Amino acid sequence: MAGGRYPYPKHVWSPSGGWWTQPTNWKSNTAVAVGITATIVAAAWKYSAENEERHTRPKGFIPSSLVRIAIN
């Protein structure tokens, strides 16, 4: 069985929020962070797929080729 909460130093700073942190809006913050990250990754993927050059035909499947097929 875990012990109760104990006194901790208030002067210690932690990037994760410190001891026993549970922000009230963590779910919406996480959703916003995931949405922003997904948007940036999708834009980078699309830009990369549109501007890639292949000098020889690939021997296997390449996921970025799906973007080119969908655009053309």
Protein backbone atom coordinates (compact mmCIF):
# COMPACT_ATOMS: atom_id res chain seq x y z
CA MET A 1 0.00 0.00 0.00
CA ALA A 2 1.37 3.39 -0.94
CA GLY A 3 2.03 6.04 1.62
CA GLY A 4 0.20 9.33 1.79
CA ARG A 5 1.44 12.62 0.49
CA TYR A 6 4.44 13.90 2.33
CA PRO A 7 5.88 17.41 2.67
CA TYR A 8 8.17 18.28 -0.24
CA PRO A 9 10.46 21.23 -0.98
CA LYS A 10 8.48 24.05 -2.59
CA HIS A 11 11.60 25.69 -4.06
CA VAL A 12 12.32 22.79 -6.44
CA TRP A 13 11.22 23.49 -10.02
CA SER A 14 10.23 20.67 -12.34
CA PRO A 15 9.30 20.94 -16.04
CA SER A 16 6.69 18.23 -15.52
CA GLY A 17 4.90 20.15 -12.79
CA GLY A 18 6.44 18.72 -9.66
CA TRP A 19 5.00 16.34 -7.13
CA TRP A 20 1.42 15.06 -7.52
CA THR A 21 0.50 17.33 -10.37
CA GLN A 22 -2.75 16.71 -12.23
CA PRO A 23 -3.80 19.75 -14.26
CA THR A 24 -7.55 20.08 -14.60
CA ASN A 25 -7.46 20.54 -18.38
CA TRP A 26 -4.80 17.96 -19.30
CA LYS A 27 -7.07 16.18 -21.78
CA SER A 28 -7.78 19.28 -23.86
CA ASN A 29 -4.12 20.37 -23.67
CA THR A 30 -3.07 16.94 -24.94
CA ALA A 31 -5.64 17.06 -27.75
CA VAL A 32 -4.40 20.49 -28.86
CA ALA A 33 -0.76 19.36 -28.78
CA VAL A 34 -1.57 16.21 -30.80
CA GLY A 35 -3.56 18.25 -33.33
CA ILE A 36 -0.79 20.79 -33.83
CA THR A 37 1.84 18.05 -34.13
CA ALA A 38 -0.27 16.09 -36.64
CA THR A 39 -0.82 19.23 -38.75
CA ILE A 40 2.91 20.00 -38.87
CA VAL A 41 3.81 16.40 -39.73
CA ALA A 42 1.15 16.24 -42.47
CA ALA A 43 2.37 19.50 -44.03
CA ALA A 44 6.00 18.34 -43.96
CA TRP A 45 5.04 14.95 -45.42
CA LYS A 46 3.04 16.57 -48.24
CA TYR A 47 5.82 19.04 -49.06
CA SER A 48 8.42 16.29 -49.07
CA ALA A 49 6.31 13.99 -51.26
CA GLU A 50 5.61 16.72 -53.79
CA ASN A 51 9.27 17.74 -54.10
CA GLU A 52 11.05 14.39 -54.01
CA GLU A 53 12.97 13.23 -57.07
CA ARG A 54 13.77 9.63 -57.88
CA HIS A 55 16.43 8.88 -60.45
CA THR A 56 15.67 5.15 -60.48
CA ARG A 57 12.44 3.25 -59.95
CA PRO A 58 12.09 2.08 -56.32
CA LYS A 59 12.17 -1.68 -55.73
CA GLY A 60 9.70 -1.65 -52.87
CA PHE A 61 6.66 0.19 -51.56
CA ILE A 62 7.22 3.81 -50.51
CA PRO A 63 4.42 5.44 -48.47
CA SER A 64 5.08 8.93 -49.83
CA SER A 65 4.21 7.69 -53.32
CA LEU A 66 0.58 7.47 -52.20
CA VAL A 67 0.48 11.25 -51.80
CA ARG A 68 1.73 11.78 -55.34
CA ILE A 69 -0.92 9.40 -56.72
CA ALA A 70 -3.68 11.21 -54.82
CA ILE A 71 -2.53 14.64 -56.04
CA ASN A 72 -2.09 13.77 -59.73
